[in-house]
Protein backbone atom coordinates (compact mmCIF):
# COMPACT_ATOMS: atom_id res chain seq x y z
CA UNK A 1 -5.79 6.31 -45.29
CA UNK A 2 -3.56 7.78 -42.72
CA UNK A 3 0.03 8.07 -42.74
CA UNK A 4 0.31 5.55 -39.87
CA UNK A 5 -1.65 3.21 -41.80
CA UNK A 6 0.36 3.66 -44.96
CA UNK A 7 3.47 2.97 -42.94
CA UNK A 8 1.81 0.03 -41.46
CA UNK A 9 1.01 -1.50 -44.88
CA UNK A 10 4.44 -0.68 -46.25
CA UNK A 11 5.95 -2.40 -43.27
CA UNK A 12 3.67 -5.57 -43.89
CA UNK A 13 4.31 -5.55 -47.59
CA UNK A 14 8.28 -5.61 -46.81
CA UNK A 15 7.82 -8.40 -44.25
CA UNK A 16 5.87 -10.35 -47.04
CA UNK A 17 8.25 -10.00 -49.61
CA UNK A 18 11.15 -11.04 -47.31
CA UNK A 19 9.04 -14.07 -46.14
CA UNK A 20 8.44 -14.85 -49.74
CA UNK A 21 12.01 -14.63 -50.68
CA UNK A 22 12.98 -16.87 -47.85
CA UNK A 23 10.32 -19.30 -48.66
CA UNK A 24 11.42 -19.55 -52.36
CA UNK A 25 14.81 -21.19 -51.10
CA UNK A 26 12.93 -23.57 -49.34
CA UNK A 27 10.40 -24.16 -52.28
CA UNK A 28 13.62 -24.98 -54.47
CA UNK A 29 14.47 -27.82 -52.05
CA UNK A 30 10.89 -29.03 -52.18
CA UNK A 31 10.90 -28.89 -56.03
CA UNK A 32 14.32 -30.66 -56.03
CA UNK A 33 12.82 -33.64 -53.77
CA UNK A 34 9.56 -34.03 -55.81
CA UNK A 35 9.99 -33.02 -59.14
CA UNK A 36 9.48 -30.05 -61.66
CA UNK A 37 7.20 -27.21 -61.20
CA UNK A 38 4.84 -27.66 -64.14
CA UNK A 39 1.32 -26.54 -63.19
CA UNK A 40 -0.23 -27.58 -66.75
CA UNK A 41 1.83 -28.60 -69.88
CA UNK A 42 0.58 -29.76 -73.29
CA UNK A 43 2.33 -33.00 -74.36
CA UNK A 44 2.34 -31.48 -77.88
CA UNK A 45 3.38 -27.87 -77.70
CA UNK A 46 1.75 -27.21 -81.21
CA UNK A 47 -1.60 -28.61 -80.24
CA UNK A 48 -4.66 -26.47 -80.69
CA UNK A 49 -7.26 -26.72 -77.89
CA UNK A 50 -11.17 -26.19 -78.67
CA UNK A 51 -12.65 -24.41 -75.73
CA UNK A 52 -15.64 -27.09 -75.65
CA UNK A 53 -16.75 -29.30 -72.51
CA UNK A 54 -14.50 -30.29 -69.81
CA UNK A 55 -14.89 -31.98 -66.25
CA UNK A 56 -12.32 -31.73 -63.53
CA UNK A 57 -12.44 -35.02 -61.36
CA UNK A 58 -10.82 -35.95 -58.20
CA UNK A 59 -8.40 -38.90 -58.52
CA UNK A 60 -9.61 -40.26 -55.14
CA UNK A 61 -11.76 -39.37 -52.09
CA UNK A 62 -8.94 -37.87 -50.14
CA UNK A 63 -9.60 -34.40 -48.96
CA UNK A 64 -6.60 -32.79 -50.73
CA UNK A 65 -7.65 -34.39 -54.19
CA UNK A 66 -11.18 -33.15 -53.74
CA UNK A 67 -10.31 -29.83 -52.80
CA UNK A 68 -8.03 -29.51 -55.69
CA UNK A 69 -10.63 -30.54 -58.14
CA UNK A 70 -13.01 -28.15 -56.53
CA UNK A 71 -10.85 -25.09 -56.75
CA UNK A 72 -9.80 -25.74 -60.41
CA UNK A 73 -13.40 -26.26 -61.46
CA UNK A 74 -14.25 -22.95 -59.86
CA UNK A 75 -11.29 -21.34 -61.50
CA UNK A 76 -11.93 -22.67 -65.00
CA UNK A 77 -15.68 -21.75 -64.65
CA UNK A 78 -14.88 -18.08 -63.87
CA UNK A 79 -12.03 -17.59 -66.24
CA UNK A 80 -12.16 -19.71 -69.36
CA UNK A 81 -14.44 -20.08 -72.29
CA UNK A 82 -14.76 -23.96 -71.56
CA UNK A 83 -17.97 -25.15 -70.73
CA UNK A 84 -17.14 -26.66 -67.33
CA UNK A 85 -19.32 -29.46 -65.97
CA UNK A 86 -20.34 -28.45 -62.36
CA UNK A 87 -19.38 -30.90 -59.32
CA UNK A 88 -23.30 -31.26 -58.68
CA UNK A 89 -23.63 -32.57 -62.29
CA UNK A 90 -20.81 -34.85 -61.99
CA UNK A 91 -22.04 -36.38 -58.80
CA UNK A 92 -25.53 -36.72 -60.37
CA UNK A 93 -24.01 -38.72 -63.37
CA UNK A 94 -21.65 -40.72 -61.30
CA UNK A 95 -23.38 -41.90 -58.23
CA UNK A 96 -20.23 -43.38 -56.91
CA UNK A 97 -17.96 -40.36 -57.32
CA UNK A 98 -15.28 -40.04 -56.41
CA UNK A 99 -13.80 -43.16 -57.64
CA UNK A 100 -10.30 -44.22 -57.04
CA UNK A 101 -7.99 -43.72 -59.77
CA UNK A 102 -4.70 -45.33 -59.04
CA UNK A 103 -1.70 -42.96 -59.10
CA UNK A 104 1.76 -44.42 -60.57
CA UNK A 105 4.39 -44.56 -57.95
CA UNK A 106 7.33 -45.00 -60.46
CA UNK A 107 7.14 -41.37 -62.13
CA UNK A 108 10.51 -39.87 -62.14
CA UNK A 109 11.22 -36.25 -61.39
CA UNK A 110 12.93 -35.84 -64.67
CA UNK A 111 9.82 -36.91 -66.72
CA UNK A 112 8.81 -33.64 -68.51
CA UNK A 113 5.06 -34.66 -69.13
CA UNK A 114 4.22 -37.69 -67.19
CA UNK A 115 0.93 -39.82 -67.38
CA UNK A 116 0.24 -40.19 -63.81
CA UNK A 117 -2.38 -42.94 -63.86
CA UNK A 118 -1.92 -46.60 -63.86
CA UNK A 119 -2.37 -48.22 -67.30
CA UNK A 120 -4.82 -50.54 -65.85
CA UNK A 121 -7.08 -47.36 -65.03
CA UNK A 122 -7.54 -46.07 -68.52
CA UNK A 123 -10.62 -48.33 -68.78
CA UNK A 124 -12.09 -46.78 -65.72
CA UNK A 125 -11.45 -43.09 -67.08
CA UNK A 126 -13.10 -43.89 -70.34
CA UNK A 127 -16.11 -45.22 -68.51
CA UNK A 128 -16.25 -41.99 -66.46
CA UNK A 129 -15.98 -40.00 -69.64
CA UNK A 130 -18.85 -41.86 -71.30
CA UNK A 131 -21.14 -40.98 -68.22
CA UNK A 132 -19.97 -37.42 -68.06
CA UNK A 133 -20.09 -36.94 -71.96
CA UNK A 134 -17.28 -34.18 -72.09
CA UNK A 135 -14.59 -33.60 -74.56
CA UNK A 136 -12.11 -33.20 -72.11
CA UNK A 137 -11.56 -35.08 -68.82
CA UNK A 138 -9.04 -33.55 -66.36
CA UNK A 139 -8.21 -35.91 -63.36
CA UNK A 140 -6.26 -34.43 -60.52
CA UNK A 141 -4.64 -35.82 -57.45
CA UNK A 142 -2.42 -34.10 -54.68
CA UNK A 143 0.44 -36.44 -54.47
CA UNK A 144 1.39 -35.40 -50.81
CA UNK A 145 1.38 -33.00 -48.16
CA UNK A 146 4.59 -32.01 -46.34
CA UNK A 147 5.33 -29.78 -43.56
CA UNK A 148 9.04 -28.08 -43.54
CA UNK A 149 10.11 -26.57 -40.20
CA UNK A 150 13.15 -24.45 -39.92
CA UNK A 151 14.42 -22.09 -37.13
CA UNK A 152 12.34 -18.91 -39.05
CA UNK A 153 9.22 -20.78 -40.16
CA UNK A 154 6.89 -23.71 -40.75
CA UNK A 155 5.60 -24.21 -44.17
CA UNK A 156 3.14 -26.74 -45.73
CA UNK A 157 3.74 -27.76 -49.15
CA UNK A 158 1.24 -29.65 -51.52
CA UNK A 159 2.26 -31.51 -54.88
CA UNK A 160 -0.47 -31.62 -57.32
CA UNK A 161 -0.27 -34.15 -60.16
CA UNK A 162 -2.96 -34.48 -63.19
CA UNK A 163 -3.62 -35.50 -66.74
CA UNK A 164 -6.07 -33.97 -69.29
CA UNK A 165 -7.48 -36.61 -71.62
CA UNK A 166 -9.20 -35.58 -74.72
CA UNK A 167 -12.13 -37.43 -76.42
CA UNK A 168 -12.90 -38.86 -78.72
CA UNK A 169 -9.68 -40.81 -79.03
CA UNK A 170 -9.02 -41.04 -75.34
CA UNK A 171 -5.62 -39.47 -75.69
CA UNK A 172 -3.70 -37.93 -72.69
CA UNK A 173 -3.10 -34.16 -74.15
CA UNK A 174 -1.54 -32.51 -70.91
CA UNK A 175 0.14 -33.01 -67.69
CA UNK A 176 0.44 -31.46 -64.31
CA UNK A 177 3.28 -31.93 -61.81
CA UNK A 178 3.82 -28.93 -59.49
CA UNK A 179 4.20 -27.76 -56.10
CA UNK A 180 2.68 -24.78 -53.87
CA UNK A 181 3.16 -23.66 -50.38
CA UNK A 182 1.77 -21.80 -47.46
CA UNK A 183 3.60 -20.48 -44.29
CA UNK A 184 2.26 -20.78 -40.92
CA UNK A 185 1.55 -17.43 -39.42
CA UNK A 186 1.06 -16.26 -35.68
CA UNK A 187 -2.80 -16.27 -36.69
CA UNK A 188 -2.60 -19.95 -36.74
CA UNK A 189 -4.07 -20.40 -33.31
CA UNK A 190 -7.21 -18.47 -34.50
CA UNK A 191 -7.59 -20.55 -37.72
CA UNK A 192 -8.81 -24.07 -38.60
CA UNK A 193 -6.21 -26.91 -38.45
CA UNK A 194 -6.04 -27.38 -42.12
CA UNK A 195 -6.23 -23.82 -43.05
CA UNK A 196 -2.61 -23.74 -44.50
CA UNK A 197 -3.00 -26.85 -46.32
CA UNK A 198 -6.07 -25.35 -48.17
CA UNK A 199 -4.35 -22.26 -48.80
CA UNK A 200 -1.49 -24.09 -50.58
CA UNK A 201 -4.16 -26.00 -52.43
CA UNK A 202 -5.81 -22.85 -53.53
CA UNK A 203 -2.51 -21.16 -54.71
CA UNK A 204 -1.67 -24.62 -56.61
CA UNK A 205 -5.18 -24.45 -58.43
CA UNK A 206 -4.63 -20.59 -59.47
CA UNK A 207 -1.12 -21.84 -60.84
CA UNK A 208 -2.69 -24.53 -62.73
CA UNK A 209 -5.81 -22.38 -64.03
CA UNK A 210 -3.29 -19.61 -65.13
CA UNK A 211 -1.12 -22.22 -67.15
CA UNK A 212 -4.31 -23.79 -68.53
CA UNK A 213 -5.43 -20.60 -69.88
CA UNK A 214 -2.00 -19.74 -71.41
CA UNK A 215 -1.67 -23.22 -72.85
CA UNK A 216 -5.31 -23.53 -74.37
CA UNK A 217 -5.70 -19.64 -75.15
CA UNK A 218 -9.03 -20.09 -73.64
CA UNK A 219 -9.31 -16.86 -71.65
CA UNK A 220 -12.96 -15.73 -71.02
CA UNK A 221 -13.67 -12.59 -73.02
């Protein structure tokens, strides 16, 4: 690498650090508005998880929910000792997938470990698990997507929510309530319209997988 290339890389790294520093301030406002940043949290911090079978399902047919479920499935497959049910197998066993799992609208931002689905949806989730035959069912949603614009930048934010349910017993054992972002760059003209939303969803899924591994102690050897 030439000296000019080194200087160019250093300059780019410096700009990126400054941009991330600025965005962190905006992110704090986003967090305050929409809840805590909790990518994956066990309801019982003393619980021991067994790296058995798991399926990650989308809470609806919306693109954001589907993308999150896909990215998390890929991350858990690559990085954990869990036996992760592939999307193709989920669609085979659930011909109507994705099904709508109604999201609660009354979750308070101060709730540390919320259950996101409506109580009336529990039966539907149990039926899904019976068809998928997994020990853990992880249902995920993107609560909303927002665009925050300042004089310096425009940034997309996504707000994942989710619950992991353990079987047998049909017990909610973990919760997700987080936020991730992606700032629009000058390259936006050359990228797909949803590029930055998808990028934020990827970041969110990586955070979720990171915390999943730390919580379940299931890192692949």
